[in-house]
Protein backbone atom coordinates (compact mmCIF):
# COMPACT_ATOMS: atom_id res chain seq x y z
CA UNK A 1 -39.62 -13.99 -83.59
CA UNK A 2 -38.55 -16.37 -80.49
CA UNK A 3 -41.02 -18.41 -78.88
CA UNK A 4 -40.91 -16.67 -75.46
CA UNK A 5 -41.66 -13.46 -77.47
CA UNK A 6 -44.55 -14.75 -79.26
CA UNK A 7 -46.27 -16.35 -76.20
CA UNK A 8 -46.26 -13.00 -74.19
CA UNK A 9 -48.15 -11.28 -77.16
CA UNK A 10 -50.74 -13.74 -77.63
CA UNK A 11 -51.28 -13.14 -73.45
CA UNK A 12 -51.09 -9.68 -73.90
CA UNK A 13 -53.85 -9.78 -77.09
CA UNK A 14 -56.38 -11.65 -74.80
CA UNK A 15 -56.36 -9.60 -72.30
CA UNK A 16 -56.97 -6.36 -74.20
CA UNK A 17 -59.97 -8.50 -75.99
CA UNK A 18 -61.19 -9.50 -72.60
CA UNK A 19 -61.19 -5.66 -70.98
CA UNK A 20 -63.08 -4.63 -74.27
CA UNK A 21 -65.89 -7.66 -73.99
CA UNK A 22 -68.07 -5.10 -71.73
CA UNK A 23 -68.24 -2.13 -73.60
CA UNK A 24 -69.31 -4.42 -76.73
CA UNK A 25 -72.68 -5.11 -75.11
CA UNK A 26 -75.43 -2.83 -76.38
CA UNK A 27 -76.38 -0.74 -73.61
CA UNK A 28 -79.86 -1.09 -72.10
CA UNK A 29 -82.17 1.22 -73.21
CA UNK A 30 -85.50 2.41 -71.17
CA UNK A 31 -88.85 1.90 -72.44
CA UNK A 32 -90.43 5.18 -73.20
CA UNK A 33 -94.30 5.61 -73.10
CA UNK A 34 -95.81 5.84 -76.63
CA UNK A 35 -95.38 9.24 -78.34
CA UNK A 36 -93.23 10.53 -75.63
CA UNK A 37 -90.08 10.74 -74.23
CA UNK A 38 -90.97 9.83 -70.84
CA UNK A 39 -89.96 6.56 -69.44
CA UNK A 40 -92.20 3.64 -68.45
CA UNK A 41 -92.12 2.76 -64.99
CA UNK A 42 -91.06 -0.68 -64.14
CA UNK A 43 -93.25 -2.93 -62.21
CA UNK A 44 -92.06 -4.17 -59.13
CA UNK A 45 -92.42 -7.53 -57.96
CA UNK A 46 -93.64 -8.14 -54.60
CA UNK A 47 -94.71 -10.89 -52.27
CA UNK A 48 -98.57 -11.62 -52.30
CA UNK A 49 -100.62 -10.73 -49.55
CA UNK A 50 -102.07 -13.28 -47.06
CA UNK A 51 -104.71 -12.86 -44.30
CA UNK A 52 -103.97 -12.47 -40.75
CA UNK A 53 -103.42 -15.33 -38.82
CA UNK A 54 -106.25 -16.95 -36.60
CA UNK A 55 -106.13 -16.82 -32.94
CA UNK A 56 -105.27 -20.19 -31.59
CA UNK A 57 -108.39 -22.00 -30.34
CA UNK A 58 -109.23 -22.52 -26.73
CA UNK A 59 -108.82 -25.84 -25.53
CA UNK A 60 -111.63 -28.13 -24.18
CA UNK A 61 -112.16 -27.62 -20.45
CA UNK A 62 -113.48 -29.87 -17.61
CA UNK A 63 -116.76 -28.87 -16.02
CA UNK A 64 -117.76 -30.36 -12.50
CA UNK A 65 -121.27 -30.66 -11.37
CA UNK A 66 -122.75 -31.46 -8.10
CA UNK A 67 -126.57 -31.20 -6.69
CA UNK A 68 -127.91 -30.31 -3.30
CA UNK A 69 -131.48 -30.09 -1.78
CA UNK A 70 -132.64 -26.53 -1.73
CA UNK A 71 -133.06 -25.13 1.81
CA UNK A 72 -131.14 -27.77 3.67
CA UNK A 73 -128.18 -27.93 1.10
CA UNK A 74 -127.97 -31.83 2.09
CA UNK A 75 -125.41 -33.32 -0.88
CA UNK A 76 -127.03 -35.83 -3.18
CA UNK A 77 -125.19 -39.17 -3.52
CA UNK A 78 -127.26 -41.25 -5.36
CA UNK A 79 -130.42 -41.60 -7.36
CA UNK A 80 -129.50 -38.48 -9.82
CA UNK A 81 -129.45 -38.44 -13.55
CA UNK A 82 -127.48 -35.39 -15.68
CA UNK A 83 -127.75 -34.54 -19.18
CA UNK A 84 -125.87 -31.76 -20.83
CA UNK A 85 -127.58 -30.04 -23.83
CA UNK A 86 -125.76 -27.39 -26.16
CA UNK A 87 -127.23 -24.00 -26.34
CA UNK A 88 -127.69 -22.71 -29.81
CA UNK A 89 -130.23 -20.34 -28.80
CA UNK A 90 -133.87 -20.03 -28.73
CA UNK A 91 -135.88 -21.44 -32.28
CA UNK A 92 -133.24 -24.20 -32.16
CA UNK A 93 -133.97 -27.75 -30.64
CA UNK A 94 -131.26 -28.72 -28.21
CA UNK A 95 -129.55 -31.73 -28.51
CA UNK A 96 -127.72 -34.02 -25.71
CA UNK A 97 -123.94 -34.07 -25.80
CA UNK A 98 -123.22 -35.80 -22.42
CA UNK A 99 -124.59 -37.92 -19.91
CA UNK A 100 -123.98 -39.60 -16.23
CA UNK A 101 -125.46 -40.75 -13.19
CA UNK A 102 -122.35 -40.31 -11.10
CA UNK A 103 -123.02 -37.97 -7.84
CA UNK A 104 -120.44 -35.53 -8.86
CA UNK A 105 -119.82 -36.05 -12.58
CA UNK A 106 -117.01 -34.17 -14.63
CA UNK A 107 -117.05 -33.51 -18.24
CA UNK A 108 -114.44 -32.46 -20.75
CA UNK A 109 -116.31 -29.91 -23.39
CA UNK A 110 -115.28 -27.35 -26.02
CA UNK A 111 -116.00 -23.92 -24.97
CA UNK A 112 -119.62 -22.89 -25.70
CA UNK A 113 -122.84 -22.35 -23.99
CA UNK A 114 -124.52 -25.12 -22.44
CA UNK A 115 -127.57 -26.07 -20.33
CA UNK A 116 -127.11 -28.73 -17.56
CA UNK A 117 -130.09 -30.61 -16.30
CA UNK A 118 -130.66 -33.02 -13.10
CA UNK A 119 -133.35 -35.33 -12.50
CA UNK A 120 -134.19 -36.64 -9.29
CA UNK A 121 -136.64 -39.05 -8.97
CA UNK A 122 -139.53 -37.06 -10.44
CA UNK A 123 -137.77 -33.39 -9.40
CA UNK A 124 -135.49 -31.81 -11.14
CA UNK A 125 -133.13 -28.47 -12.19
CA UNK A 126 -131.48 -26.93 -14.77
CA UNK A 127 -129.03 -24.20 -15.17
CA UNK A 128 -127.08 -22.37 -18.11
CA UNK A 129 -123.49 -22.50 -18.07
CA UNK A 130 -121.04 -20.74 -20.10
CA UNK A 131 -117.55 -22.65 -20.23
CA UNK A 132 -114.35 -21.02 -21.54
CA UNK A 133 -110.93 -22.67 -22.14
CA UNK A 134 -110.74 -23.00 -18.19
CA UNK A 135 -111.97 -25.86 -15.79
CA UNK A 136 -115.31 -24.71 -14.20
CA UNK A 137 -117.61 -26.16 -11.30
CA UNK A 138 -121.18 -25.56 -10.45
CA UNK A 139 -123.99 -26.57 -7.92
CA UNK A 140 -127.44 -27.32 -8.75
CA UNK A 141 -130.46 -27.22 -6.40
CA UNK A 142 -133.26 -29.07 -6.16
CA UNK A 143 -136.53 -28.79 -4.39
CA UNK A 144 -137.62 -32.54 -3.59
CA UNK A 145 -138.80 -34.85 -0.87
CA UNK A 146 -140.10 -38.20 -1.19
CA UNK A 147 -142.84 -40.95 -0.08
CA UNK A 148 -142.50 -44.15 1.21
CA UNK A 149 -145.93 -46.20 1.54
CA UNK A 150 -147.13 -48.81 3.17
CA UNK A 151 -150.87 -51.01 3.62
CA UNK A 152 -152.40 -52.15 6.82
CA UNK A 153 -155.85 -53.77 7.89
CA UNK A 154 -156.33 -52.82 11.46
CA UNK A 155 -152.63 -53.00 13.26
CA UNK A 156 -151.48 -56.16 10.47
CA UNK A 157 -149.61 -54.73 7.83
CA UNK A 158 -150.17 -56.09 4.06
CA UNK A 159 -147.66 -58.17 2.70
CA UNK A 160 -145.74 -56.42 -0.14
CA UNK A 161 -147.04 -58.58 -2.84
CA UNK A 162 -150.77 -57.92 -2.07
CA UNK A 163 -151.01 -53.96 -2.47
CA UNK A 164 -150.13 -51.43 -5.03
CA UNK A 165 -150.24 -47.58 -4.74
CA UNK A 166 -150.65 -44.79 -7.26
CA UNK A 167 -149.60 -41.44 -6.95
CA UNK A 168 -151.60 -38.52 -8.78
CA UNK A 169 -151.11 -34.90 -9.14
CA UNK A 170 -154.50 -33.02 -8.60
CA UNK A 171 -155.96 -30.71 -11.28
CA UNK A 172 -158.28 -28.47 -10.19
CA UNK A 173 -160.90 -30.13 -8.90
CA UNK A 174 -159.69 -33.42 -10.01
CA UNK A 175 -158.01 -35.27 -7.38
CA UNK A 176 -156.68 -37.74 -10.00
CA UNK A 177 -155.52 -35.01 -12.46
CA UNK A 178 -152.14 -36.21 -13.66
CA UNK A 179 -150.88 -39.56 -12.79
CA UNK A 180 -147.11 -39.44 -11.96
CA UNK A 181 -146.45 -43.47 -11.29
CA UNK A 182 -148.49 -46.64 -10.52
CA UNK A 183 -148.02 -49.95 -9.50
CA UNK A 184 -145.98 -48.56 -6.48
CA UNK A 185 -144.79 -51.47 -3.89
CA UNK A 186 -144.57 -51.12 -0.11
CA UNK A 187 -141.36 -49.49 1.40
CA UNK A 188 -140.20 -48.19 -2.12
CA UNK A 189 -139.04 -44.64 -1.76
CA UNK A 190 -140.74 -42.27 -4.62
CA UNK A 191 -138.67 -39.08 -4.96
CA UNK A 192 -141.00 -36.13 -6.06
CA UNK A 193 -141.24 -32.39 -6.50
CA UNK A 194 -142.73 -30.77 -2.93
CA UNK A 195 -146.12 -30.41 -3.20
CA UNK A 196 -149.62 -32.07 -2.51
CA UNK A 197 -150.21 -35.29 -4.06
CA UNK A 198 -153.35 -37.67 -4.30
CA UNK A 199 -152.55 -41.36 -3.45
CA UNK A 200 -154.75 -44.63 -3.96
CA UNK A 201 -154.05 -47.87 -2.46
CA UNK A 202 -155.54 -51.03 -3.99
CA UNK A 203 -155.56 -54.20 -1.83
CA UNK A 204 -155.84 -57.11 -3.86
CA UNK A 205 -157.74 -56.98 -7.08
CA UNK A 206 -161.33 -56.17 -6.49
CA UNK A 207 -162.66 -53.12 -4.49
CA UNK A 208 -160.42 -52.76 -1.58
CA UNK A 209 -159.56 -49.41 -2.27
CA UNK A 210 -158.62 -46.25 0.05
CA UNK A 211 -157.31 -42.56 -0.61
CA UNK A 212 -155.34 -40.36 0.83
CA UNK A 213 -154.10 -36.78 -0.05
CA UNK A 214 -150.25 -36.60 1.31
CA UNK A 215 -148.12 -33.46 1.39
CA UNK A 216 -144.33 -34.14 0.42
CA UNK A 217 -141.56 -31.39 1.98
CA UNK A 218 -138.54 -30.49 0.67
CA UNK A 219 -135.70 -32.46 2.27
CA UNK A 220 -138.15 -35.03 4.21
CA UNK A 221 -139.73 -38.30 3.40
CA UNK A 222 -143.03 -38.66 4.14
CA UNK A 223 -144.31 -42.19 5.37
CA UNK A 224 -147.64 -42.72 5.36
CA UNK A 225 -149.86 -46.29 5.86
CA UNK A 226 -153.04 -46.44 4.40
CA UNK A 227 -155.28 -48.43 6.25
CA UNK A 228 -157.94 -50.79 4.29
CA UNK A 229 -161.40 -51.88 5.89
CA UNK A 230 -161.47 -55.35 4.31
CA UNK A 231 -160.71 -59.30 4.22
CA UNK A 232 -159.85 -61.77 2.45
CA UNK A 233 -162.36 -64.79 1.66
CA UNK A 234 -162.23 -68.04 0.13
CA UNK A 235 -164.85 -69.14 -2.38
CA UNK A 236 -166.04 -72.78 -1.92
CA UNK A 237 -168.79 -74.93 -3.73
CA UNK A 238 -169.54 -78.04 -1.36
CA UNK A 239 -172.08 -80.54 -1.02
CA UNK A 240 -172.26 -80.22 2.76
CA UNK A 241 -170.58 -77.67 5.19
CA UNK A 242 -167.26 -78.69 5.38
CA UNK A 243 -166.83 -80.72 2.32
CA UNK A 244 -164.31 -81.13 -0.23
CA UNK A 245 -164.81 -78.28 -2.99
CA UNK A 246 -165.82 -78.89 -6.17
CA UNK A 247 -163.33 -78.19 -8.77
CA UNK A 248 -164.15 -76.42 -11.75
CA UNK A 249 -166.53 -73.89 -10.26
CA UNK A 250 -167.25 -70.73 -11.99
CA UNK A 251 -167.88 -68.04 -9.24
CA UNK A 252 -169.41 -64.29 -9.32
CA UNK A 253 -169.36 -62.04 -6.62
CA UNK A 254 -172.13 -59.30 -6.92
CA UNK A 255 -173.40 -56.15 -5.04
CA UNK A 256 -176.77 -56.71 -3.45
CA UNK A 257 -177.93 -54.37 -6.81
CA UNK A 258 -176.66 -56.91 -9.02
CA UNK A 259 -173.18 -54.92 -9.94
CA UNK A 260 -170.10 -57.69 -10.51
CA UNK A 261 -167.12 -57.11 -8.25
CA UNK A 262 -165.27 -59.98 -9.25
CA UNK A 263 -165.34 -63.35 -10.98
CA UNK A 264 -163.13 -66.43 -10.43
CA UNK A 265 -162.80 -70.04 -11.71
CA UNK A 266 -161.61 -72.94 -9.30
CA UNK A 267 -162.21 -75.10 -6.43
CA UNK A 268 -161.39 -72.41 -3.77
CA UNK A 269 -160.47 -69.01 -5.29
CA UNK A 270 -159.27 -66.40 -2.86
CA UNK A 271 -160.96 -62.82 -3.34
CA UNK A 272 -160.16 -59.68 -1.15
CA UNK A 273 -163.25 -57.33 -0.90
CA UNK A 274 -164.26 -54.39 1.22
CA UNK A 275 -166.18 -54.64 4.03
CA UNK A 276 -169.99 -55.16 3.09
CA UNK A 277 -172.64 -57.01 1.82
CA UNK A 278 -172.40 -59.15 -1.23
CA UNK A 279 -174.10 -61.85 -3.15
CA UNK A 280 -172.36 -65.01 -4.31
CA UNK A 281 -172.98 -66.99 -7.68
CA UNK A 282 -171.62 -70.53 -8.20
CA UNK A 283 -172.03 -72.13 -11.46
CA UNK A 284 -170.94 -75.89 -11.95
CA UNK A 285 -171.98 -78.61 -14.39
CA UNK A 286 -174.87 -76.28 -15.66
CA UNK A 287 -176.12 -75.78 -12.39
CA UNK A 288 -176.52 -72.56 -10.52
CA UNK A 289 -176.28 -71.76 -7.03
CA UNK A 290 -176.34 -68.64 -4.90
CA UNK A 291 -176.57 -67.52 -1.29
CA UNK A 292 -175.71 -63.89 0.32
CA UNK A 293 -172.50 -62.91 2.70
CA UNK A 294 -171.29 -60.53 4.65
CA UNK A 295 -167.73 -59.21 4.69
CA UNK A 296 -166.14 -57.71 8.22
CA UNK A 297 -162.82 -55.91 8.25
CA UNK A 298 -159.68 -58.29 9.25
CA UNK A 299 -162.00 -61.48 9.22
CA UNK A 300 -160.30 -63.73 6.42
CA UNK A 301 -162.89 -66.72 6.21
CA UNK A 302 -164.45 -69.28 3.65
CA UNK A 303 -167.51 -68.72 2.29
CA UNK A 304 -169.35 -72.37 1.21
CA UNK A 305 -172.21 -72.18 -1.19
CA UNK A 306 -174.35 -75.79 -0.70
CA UNK A 307 -174.47 -77.46 -3.89
CA UNK A 308 -178.48 -78.15 -3.22
CA UNK A 309 -180.77 -78.01 -5.89
CA UNK A 310 -184.45 -76.89 -4.36
CA UNK A 311 -186.74 -80.41 -4.60
CA UNK A 312 -189.51 -79.76 -7.12
CA UNK A 313 -192.92 -79.05 -5.96
CA UNK A 314 -195.35 -82.03 -6.05
CA UNK A 315 -198.02 -81.49 -8.65
CA UNK A 316 -201.46 -80.37 -7.19
CA UNK A 317 -204.00 -83.32 -7.40
CA UNK A 318 -206.90 -82.40 -10.08
CA UNK A 319 -210.00 -81.22 -8.58
CA UNK A 320 -212.89 -83.79 -8.96
CA UNK A 321 -215.44 -82.96 -11.44
CA UNK A 322 -218.45 -81.37 -9.94
CA UNK A 323 -221.63 -83.55 -10.11
């Protein structure tokens, strides 16, 4: 057999074998249900079920606020304090989420419900605001006025450092029911809700006191001068009228009934007193000296106590025995 015929025979045999390979593979038989000739269903493979995608969260938004006076509508440009609370509903204590002291603040906040509050001195206002994903603005109205106080004796203004004021809200029949603020100085502007207030002015540190009921109106500054009937006296213990005062003297000022009004120590302490009659006691080196004096409104002067001891009465001669 020639080489060419042998090669063609081997190639043909290989091709025949390759063609017979599929028929040699066993046919896949379907799985039958037990005891029956019913084929079992082939489970299908599917992708797992996923929850629906959540909507995109709304972005933070800007809240712009401003304040005006009720009635007049005058914009407030200073003296404001803003606070933003989150509103979680009843029974939940709100928390502060933002603050500002600007006249027209801008806050960047997540969407939700908030309570915006603004204080103007002792007056305030609040408003509930629901913020979405878009910029929002709002205006709060404040019903407020102000007091500006000063003191005087006659036509003479009392120096700022010598007089103070206290402001009260009357409660029932008590004119000093609730203290709003004390130690207020002359010319200071005190912002208050509109209403009637009881003002107490103290000139000096003793009993020179004046009172007044003042009304604060919305959008107005109420200016008031409380007039005292008092004077400032300088206390001295001297050996003779006009002489040098003794240092280290302890003074007590009393009413004619014996109530102590003021005590002071020094060579010449000054005391501001309401007009009226007084008794002055001076103690020095174990000795006590007294005098009475009168205070007249607006008349500042020296009150001198003479350091004189009363001479001791001479003993009376004994009577001669009777015969």
